[in-house]
Protein backbone atom coordinates (compact mmCIF):
# COMPACT_ATOMS: atom_id res chain seq x y z
CA MET A 1 188.70 -62.08 216.46
CA LYS A 2 190.45 -64.37 213.94
CA LEU A 3 191.08 -63.51 210.30
CA GLY A 4 188.78 -66.34 209.22
CA ASP A 5 185.98 -64.85 211.29
CA ASP A 6 186.41 -61.53 209.49
CA LYS A 7 186.07 -63.22 206.12
CA ARG A 8 183.00 -65.12 207.23
CA ILE A 9 181.41 -61.88 208.44
CA GLU A 10 182.24 -60.18 205.15
CA ARG A 11 180.67 -63.03 203.20
CA SER A 12 177.58 -62.96 205.40
CA LEU A 13 177.18 -59.22 204.98
CA ALA A 14 177.62 -59.54 201.24
CA LEU A 15 174.97 -62.26 201.13
CA VAL A 16 172.54 -60.20 203.20
CA SER A 17 173.17 -57.18 200.97
CA ALA A 18 172.55 -59.23 197.86
CA TRP A 19 169.27 -60.56 199.18
CA PHE A 20 168.25 -57.06 200.27
CA LEU A 21 168.96 -55.62 196.83
CA LEU A 22 167.09 -58.48 195.21
CA PHE A 23 164.11 -57.84 197.48
CA ILE A 24 164.13 -54.10 196.79
CA GLY A 25 164.45 -54.77 193.09
CA SER A 26 161.45 -57.07 193.15
CA ILE A 27 159.40 -54.27 194.69
CA GLU A 28 160.61 -51.65 192.23
CA LEU A 29 159.98 -53.92 189.27
CA ARG A 30 156.60 -55.18 190.34
CA GLY A 31 154.52 -55.79 187.25
CA GLN A 32 157.54 -56.60 185.10
CA VAL A 33 156.54 -58.34 181.90
CA PRO A 34 157.68 -62.00 182.15
CA ASP A 35 160.88 -63.27 180.53
CA VAL A 36 162.62 -59.88 180.47
CA PRO A 37 165.97 -59.89 182.33
CA ARG A 38 165.86 -57.86 185.54
CA GLU A 39 169.23 -56.26 184.77
CA HIS A 40 167.82 -54.88 181.53
CA CYS A 41 164.88 -53.34 183.36
CA VAL A 42 167.12 -51.69 185.94
CA ARG A 43 169.20 -50.22 183.12
CA SER A 44 166.14 -49.02 181.19
CA LYS A 45 164.63 -47.39 184.27
CA LYS A 46 167.83 -45.54 185.13
CA ALA A 47 168.36 -44.26 181.59
CA TYR A 48 164.76 -43.16 181.14
CA THR A 49 164.08 -41.38 184.43
CA LYS A 50 167.24 -39.24 184.42
CA SER A 51 166.36 -37.33 181.24
CA LYS A 52 165.03 -33.76 181.14
CA ALA A 53 162.39 -34.80 178.62
CA PHE A 54 161.04 -37.35 181.11
CA GLU A 55 160.86 -34.68 183.82
CA ASP A 56 159.01 -32.38 181.43
CA PHE A 57 156.46 -35.11 180.65
CA VAL A 58 155.79 -35.98 184.28
CA SER A 59 155.63 -32.32 185.32
CA TYR A 60 152.92 -31.74 182.73
CA LEU A 61 150.76 -34.50 184.20
CA PHE A 62 151.46 -33.60 187.83
CA PRO A 63 151.40 -29.78 188.00
CA GLU A 64 152.47 -28.15 191.25
CA MET A 65 149.10 -26.46 191.77
CA GLU A 66 146.84 -29.47 191.27
CA SER A 67 143.31 -29.31 192.62
CA ASP A 68 141.91 -31.60 195.33
CA GLY A 69 138.41 -30.19 195.09
CA PRO A 70 135.60 -30.90 192.64
CA ARG A 71 136.40 -31.90 189.08
CA THR A 72 137.66 -28.82 187.24
CA LYS A 73 139.30 -27.67 184.03
CA ARG A 74 142.72 -28.26 185.59
CA ILE A 75 144.98 -31.23 184.98
CA ARG A 76 144.56 -33.77 187.77
CA THR A 77 146.33 -37.09 187.37
CA ASP A 78 145.25 -39.91 189.70
CA GLY A 79 147.82 -42.41 188.48
CA LEU A 80 150.61 -42.86 185.95
CA TYR A 81 152.32 -46.13 185.01
CA ILE A 82 154.96 -46.38 182.29
CA LEU A 83 156.46 -49.41 180.54
CA LEU A 84 159.53 -49.01 178.36
CA ASP A 85 161.00 -51.89 176.37
CA SER A 86 158.81 -54.35 178.35
CA CYS A 87 159.95 -52.93 181.71
CA PRO A 88 158.12 -50.85 184.33
CA VAL A 89 160.23 -47.70 184.57
CA TYR A 90 158.00 -45.25 186.42
CA GLU A 91 154.84 -45.04 188.50
CA ARG A 92 153.28 -42.23 190.46
CA PHE A 93 149.93 -41.73 192.16
CA ARG A 94 147.98 -38.85 193.62
CA LYS A 95 146.99 -38.72 197.27
CA ASN A 96 144.53 -41.49 198.21
CA PHE A 97 145.49 -43.55 195.14
CA SER A 98 148.08 -46.31 194.78
CA ARG A 99 149.25 -49.07 192.47
CA ASP A 100 146.54 -51.28 194.04
CA THR A 101 143.70 -48.86 193.26
CA LYS A 102 141.17 -50.09 190.73
CA HIS A 103 140.26 -46.97 188.79
CA LEU A 104 137.20 -46.51 186.60
CA ALA A 105 138.47 -46.67 183.01
CA TRP A 106 135.32 -45.33 181.37
CA SER A 107 135.61 -45.70 177.57
CA VAL A 108 139.04 -47.29 177.78
CA SER A 109 136.79 -50.28 178.55
CA LYS A 110 135.87 -50.33 174.85
CA SER A 111 139.44 -51.08 173.84
CA VAL A 112 139.69 -53.85 176.44
CA THR A 113 136.45 -55.31 175.09
CA GLY A 114 138.05 -55.38 171.64
CA LEU A 115 141.00 -57.34 173.01
CA ALA A 116 138.73 -59.79 174.83
CA VAL A 117 136.75 -60.43 171.63
CA GLY A 118 140.03 -61.14 169.87
CA ARG A 119 140.91 -63.68 172.54
CA ALA A 120 137.51 -65.34 172.04
CA GLU A 121 138.14 -65.58 168.29
CA LYS A 122 141.55 -67.10 168.96
CA LEU A 123 139.91 -69.77 171.14
CA GLY A 124 137.16 -70.46 168.59
CA TYR A 125 134.12 -69.05 170.39
CA LEU A 126 133.28 -66.57 167.63
CA ASN A 127 134.61 -65.02 164.44
CA ARG A 128 134.61 -61.40 163.32
CA LYS A 129 132.81 -62.47 160.12
CA ASP A 130 129.94 -64.05 162.07
CA LEU A 131 126.48 -62.59 161.63
CA VAL A 132 125.21 -61.05 164.85
CA GLN A 133 121.92 -62.94 164.37
CA LYS A 134 123.87 -66.09 165.25
CA PHE A 135 123.99 -64.77 168.83
CA TYR A 136 120.89 -62.54 168.82
CA PRO A 137 118.35 -64.26 166.52
CA GLN A 138 115.74 -61.68 167.52
CA LEU A 139 117.67 -58.97 165.65
CA SER A 140 115.35 -57.72 162.91
CA GLY A 141 114.69 -54.83 160.57
CA PRO A 142 115.94 -54.16 157.05
CA HIS A 143 119.58 -54.88 157.92
CA GLY A 144 119.27 -57.44 160.68
CA ASP A 145 120.49 -60.23 158.45
CA SER A 146 123.66 -58.40 157.33
CA LEU A 147 125.10 -57.03 160.58
CA LYS A 148 128.42 -58.74 161.39
CA VAL A 149 130.62 -58.79 164.47
CA GLU A 150 133.27 -56.79 162.59
CA HIS A 151 130.78 -53.94 162.08
CA LEU A 152 130.38 -53.64 165.85
CA LEU A 153 134.15 -53.83 166.29
CA HIS A 154 134.58 -50.82 164.00
CA TRP A 155 131.64 -48.72 165.32
CA ALA A 156 129.81 -49.15 162.03
CA SER A 157 126.62 -51.03 162.98
CA GLY A 158 124.29 -48.59 161.25
CA PHE A 159 122.10 -48.13 164.34
CA ALA A 160 120.87 -44.62 165.07
CA TRP A 161 122.81 -43.49 168.12
CA GLN A 162 123.32 -40.18 169.92
CA GLU A 163 126.65 -40.24 171.78
CA THR A 164 126.29 -37.42 174.30
CA TYR A 165 126.91 -37.39 178.04
CA GLU A 166 126.13 -35.30 181.10
CA PHE A 167 126.11 -32.03 179.15
CA ALA A 168 123.08 -33.21 177.12
CA PRO A 169 121.46 -36.08 179.05
CA LEU A 170 117.98 -35.66 177.58
CA PHE A 171 119.29 -36.49 174.11
CA SER A 172 121.77 -39.16 175.16
CA ASP A 173 121.32 -42.77 174.10
CA VAL A 174 124.26 -43.62 176.38
CA VAL A 175 122.53 -42.31 179.50
CA THR A 176 119.31 -44.10 178.53
CA MET A 177 121.13 -47.38 177.96
CA LEU A 178 123.20 -47.26 181.15
CA TYR A 179 120.79 -45.76 183.66
CA THR A 180 117.15 -45.78 182.52
CA ARG A 181 115.19 -47.79 179.92
CA GLY A 182 118.10 -49.93 178.77
CA LYS A 183 119.81 -50.65 182.07
CA ASP A 184 118.48 -54.19 182.64
CA ASP A 185 119.74 -55.60 179.32
CA ARG A 186 121.93 -53.04 177.62
CA ALA A 187 122.91 -55.06 174.57
CA ALA A 188 119.28 -55.91 173.84
CA TYR A 189 118.46 -52.20 174.12
CA VAL A 190 121.06 -51.41 171.45
CA PHE A 191 119.67 -54.04 169.12
CA ARG A 192 116.21 -52.46 169.42
CA GLN A 193 117.43 -49.12 168.04
CA PRO A 194 116.21 -48.00 164.61
CA TRP A 195 118.50 -48.31 161.63
CA ALA A 196 120.13 -45.12 160.34
CA ALA A 197 122.21 -46.85 157.67
CA ALA A 198 123.21 -50.27 156.42
CA PRO A 199 126.01 -51.99 158.39
CA GLY A 200 129.39 -50.72 157.23
CA GLU A 201 127.89 -47.76 155.40
CA ARG A 202 128.37 -45.21 158.15
CA TRP A 203 130.98 -44.90 160.91
CA ASN A 204 129.61 -43.56 164.19
CA TYR A 205 131.45 -43.66 167.52
CA SER A 206 129.01 -45.46 169.79
CA THR A 207 129.08 -46.86 173.30
CA GLY A 208 126.08 -48.82 172.07
CA ASP A 209 128.14 -50.70 169.48
CA SER A 210 130.73 -51.53 172.15
CA GLN A 211 128.02 -52.79 174.50
CA ALA A 212 126.50 -54.85 171.68
CA LEU A 213 129.95 -56.30 170.99
CA MET A 214 130.25 -57.35 174.62
CA GLY A 215 126.77 -58.84 174.36
CA VAL A 216 127.88 -60.94 171.39
CA LEU A 217 130.95 -62.06 173.34
CA SER A 218 128.78 -63.02 176.30
CA GLN A 219 126.32 -64.96 174.13
CA SER A 220 129.16 -66.77 172.35
CA LEU A 221 130.14 -68.24 175.72
CA ALA A 222 126.66 -69.48 176.60
CA GLY A 223 126.94 -73.19 177.23
CA HIS A 224 130.67 -72.84 177.84
CA SER A 225 132.43 -71.18 180.75
CA GLY A 226 130.33 -68.01 180.90
CA ILE A 227 131.54 -64.47 180.38
CA TYR A 228 133.11 -63.78 183.77
CA ASP A 229 134.91 -67.11 183.99
CA PHE A 230 136.24 -66.49 180.47
CA LEU A 231 137.42 -62.99 181.37
CA GLU A 232 139.14 -64.21 184.51
CA THR A 233 140.74 -67.48 183.37
CA GLU A 234 141.19 -67.06 179.61
CA PHE A 235 141.84 -63.35 179.31
CA PHE A 236 143.05 -61.46 182.38
CA ALA A 237 144.89 -64.13 184.39
CA PRO A 238 147.28 -65.18 181.59
CA LEU A 239 148.27 -61.50 181.31
CA ASN A 240 149.13 -61.33 185.04
CA ILE A 241 146.02 -59.27 185.81
CA GLU A 242 144.19 -60.29 188.98
CA ASN A 243 142.62 -57.17 190.50
CA TRP A 244 139.75 -55.98 188.30
CA THR A 245 136.00 -55.39 188.40
CA TRP A 246 133.68 -55.13 185.42
CA GLU A 247 130.16 -53.98 186.26
CA ALA A 248 127.29 -55.87 184.64
CA ASP A 249 123.63 -55.27 183.92
CA ALA A 250 120.78 -57.40 185.25
CA ALA A 251 121.25 -59.80 182.32
CA GLY A 252 124.79 -60.51 183.49
CA THR A 253 126.53 -58.78 180.59
CA PRO A 254 129.51 -56.57 181.50
CA SER A 255 129.35 -52.92 180.48
CA GLY A 256 131.64 -53.33 177.51
CA GLY A 257 131.80 -49.64 176.71
CA SER A 258 132.24 -48.01 180.08
CA HIS A 259 132.51 -49.67 183.48
CA LEU A 260 135.77 -51.58 183.84
CA TYR A 261 137.75 -50.85 187.03
CA ILE A 262 141.41 -51.78 186.74
CA GLU A 263 144.86 -50.98 188.17
CA ALA A 264 147.19 -48.71 186.22
CA GLY A 265 149.87 -51.40 185.98
CA ALA A 266 147.34 -53.93 184.72
CA LEU A 267 146.14 -51.49 182.09
CA ALA A 268 149.76 -51.02 181.02
CA ASN A 269 150.07 -54.79 180.61
CA LEU A 270 147.19 -54.67 178.13
CA GLY A 271 149.05 -51.95 176.27
CA GLN A 272 152.12 -54.17 176.22
CA LEU A 273 150.03 -56.93 174.64
CA VAL A 274 149.09 -54.50 171.86
CA LEU A 275 152.70 -53.39 171.48
CA GLN A 276 153.74 -57.02 171.05
CA GLY A 277 151.24 -57.60 168.28
CA GLY A 278 148.97 -59.81 170.39
CA ARG A 279 151.73 -62.15 171.58
CA TRP A 280 152.44 -62.96 175.24
CA LYS A 281 155.25 -65.04 176.71
CA GLY A 282 156.35 -65.90 173.19
CA LYS A 283 152.97 -67.33 172.19
CA GLU A 284 150.11 -66.04 170.08
CA PHE A 285 147.49 -64.81 172.55
CA LEU A 286 145.28 -63.13 169.94
CA PRO A 287 144.76 -64.00 166.27
CA GLU A 288 147.83 -63.08 164.24
CA ASP A 289 146.15 -60.13 162.52
CA TRP A 290 143.93 -58.96 165.39
CA ILE A 291 146.04 -56.02 166.53
CA ASP A 292 146.37 -54.87 162.92
CA GLU A 293 142.59 -55.14 162.57
CA MET A 294 141.96 -52.98 165.63
CA THR A 295 144.69 -50.41 165.06
CA LYS A 296 144.34 -49.77 161.36
CA LEU A 297 142.26 -46.84 160.20
CA SER A 298 138.78 -48.33 160.03
CA PRO A 299 137.67 -49.08 156.46
CA TYR A 300 134.34 -47.48 157.35
CA TYR A 301 135.81 -44.29 158.81
CA ARG A 302 135.55 -40.96 157.07
CA GLU A 303 136.64 -37.75 158.74
CA LYS A 304 133.38 -36.10 157.69
CA ASP A 305 131.52 -38.67 159.82
CA PHE A 306 133.39 -37.65 162.92
CA HIS A 307 132.08 -35.21 165.53
CA ARG A 308 135.11 -33.07 166.34
CA PHE A 309 134.14 -33.02 170.01
CA PHE A 310 135.21 -36.65 170.21
CA ALA A 311 138.68 -36.01 168.80
CA GLY A 312 140.11 -39.09 170.45
CA GLY A 313 141.91 -39.88 167.22
CA ASN A 314 140.91 -41.32 163.88
CA GLY A 315 138.69 -44.36 164.25
CA GLY A 316 140.14 -47.86 164.48
CA GLY A 317 138.49 -50.99 165.85
CA GLN A 318 137.56 -50.02 169.43
CA TRP A 319 140.85 -48.06 169.49
CA TRP A 320 141.92 -44.61 168.31
CA VAL A 321 144.78 -44.12 165.88
CA ASN A 322 146.71 -41.26 164.31
CA ARG A 323 146.88 -42.85 160.88
CA THR A 324 145.93 -40.94 157.75
CA ARG A 325 144.12 -41.53 154.48
CA SER A 326 145.17 -38.51 152.46
CA GLU A 327 143.19 -39.37 149.34
CA GLU A 328 140.01 -39.05 151.41
CA GLY A 329 141.07 -36.04 153.44
CA VAL A 330 141.77 -37.94 156.67
CA GLY A 331 144.75 -36.27 158.33
CA LYS A 332 146.49 -36.75 161.67
CA ILE A 333 144.40 -35.82 164.69
CA TYR A 334 147.57 -35.24 166.73
CA PRO A 335 149.83 -33.18 164.45
CA ASP A 336 152.92 -33.31 166.68
CA VAL A 337 152.86 -37.06 167.30
CA SER A 338 154.00 -40.01 165.19
CA GLU A 339 151.46 -41.63 162.94
CA ASP A 340 151.88 -45.04 164.59
CA VAL A 341 150.60 -44.00 168.05
CA ILE A 342 147.70 -46.12 169.34
CA LEU A 343 145.29 -44.79 171.95
CA ALA A 344 142.49 -45.93 174.24
CA ARG A 345 140.58 -42.98 175.63
CA GLY A 346 138.04 -42.58 178.43
CA HIS A 347 135.89 -39.83 179.93
CA TRP A 348 137.45 -37.41 182.44
CA GLY A 349 141.06 -38.14 181.54
CA GLN A 350 141.61 -41.91 181.20
CA TYR A 351 144.26 -42.86 178.62
CA LEU A 352 146.29 -45.83 177.48
CA ALA A 353 148.84 -44.71 174.89
CA ILE A 354 151.14 -47.02 172.94
CA PHE A 355 154.14 -45.81 170.93
CA PRO A 356 155.39 -48.82 168.92
CA SER A 357 158.48 -47.12 167.49
CA LYS A 358 159.57 -46.17 171.03
CA LYS A 359 158.54 -49.47 172.71
CA LEU A 360 156.66 -47.23 175.15
CA VAL A 361 153.35 -47.80 176.96
CA VAL A 362 151.75 -45.08 179.11
CA ALA A 363 148.72 -45.78 181.32
CA ARG A 364 147.22 -42.63 182.84
CA PHE A 365 144.18 -42.22 185.08
CA GLY A 366 142.73 -38.78 185.74
CA ASP A 367 139.82 -36.86 187.16
CA GLU A 368 139.29 -33.65 185.24
CA LEU A 369 136.76 -32.16 182.89
CA ASP A 370 137.31 -33.02 179.26
CA GLY A 371 139.54 -30.39 177.68
CA ALA A 372 141.64 -29.71 180.78
CA LEU A 373 144.49 -31.73 179.33
CA ASP A 374 145.69 -31.11 175.78
CA LEU A 375 146.06 -34.60 174.39
CA ASN A 376 148.37 -33.63 171.55
CA THR A 377 150.70 -32.04 174.11
CA MET A 378 150.59 -35.03 176.46
CA LEU A 379 151.30 -37.51 173.68
CA ARG A 380 154.10 -35.37 172.25
CA LYS A 381 155.79 -35.05 175.65
CA ALA A 382 155.42 -38.80 176.23
CA GLU A 383 156.96 -39.61 172.87
CA LEU A 384 159.82 -37.16 173.36
CA SER A 385 160.55 -38.64 176.80
CA VAL A 386 162.21 -41.58 175.04
CA GLY A 387 165.24 -40.03 173.39
CA GLN A 388 167.49 -41.64 170.80
CA GLU A 389 170.16 -42.30 173.41
CA ILE A 390 167.70 -44.49 175.34
CA THR A 391 166.54 -46.32 172.21
CA ASP A 392 170.14 -46.99 171.19
CA THR A 393 171.08 -48.49 174.57
CA SER A 394 168.02 -50.68 175.12
CA GLY A 395 170.02 -53.71 174.07
CA ILE A 396 167.20 -56.22 173.96
CA GLU A 397 164.67 -57.49 171.51
CA ASN A 398 161.16 -57.83 172.84
CA ALA A 399 161.07 -61.14 174.67
CA ASN A 400 157.35 -61.61 174.37
């Protein structure tokens, strides 16, 4: 064999190796937020996953003695997907689940509804200051002419609503709306409820308000593309989300408070949108102040209004926050976690947590009874998993 042949072989092997590494990298970094250099993501992943704090966080969510049987009071994580500094740095799934699994998000759907409504406002289909009667002229009663879209956004409609689930089904307006008298047109069912207060007078966490908000969004698109075409082409697709299902009632309105099925990586992308202040690929995807509107402590929220069972956080606009209002006695729900954490929360262990100061997004799907996982502990371990040494070496401003 000639010397030139050796060099050609070496070059060929080097080329094959380069293509192989590129291919492997594309698999590992599937879901990468656009416009972020691949080299940066490789560096972020390596720095993050080698830390003891990261191992402690993951071990908490995936205990060695997890249960495969019926839903119990033990931690059982179906899927975990983590973005750090715009990069996917870790994913893990339980047996029979994968990155392609569309998981029921339960009340995390509410937070996604809030984002979709923001997109509709950005495109001019509605405005948060609009009266709901613009879309549901049949709305009546003493406060029918003063209810605004923003009241629904902040769970402050004033409708009487009992938010209980399987432990008290006979008293649950949620069960009635989803499965019995209200199932054919859920938003209309909400608008038929009696008034308990004037809009904005009383904060009350309500799947009904979230469903009514989705109803308003759906009606705002009547005569345009329609709700599902809007969700697919104007909302999900631009965010690189293709695999999703949102159940609807007989009226064709998606279940805005409960029944979105979505991949963990896609859910993380929505968290990244929040982290970036509603911008995507360098452009304004949501109104400039929309994320602030959803993630501020609701102007209608008072801690005394809050049932402690639903300690998902202090109330924002379809999101939960850890912000305080000391002059009114509103303290942090999660005492060991930063005040800027933003959370979407769903039944049986569904969470989307955003840590702006850490540039961290955590999407977690689960299947356990409420209370099995201590949320303050999970959030604290997630936040601590990004140490100062990782923050200092990130070396990139958010590209989106």
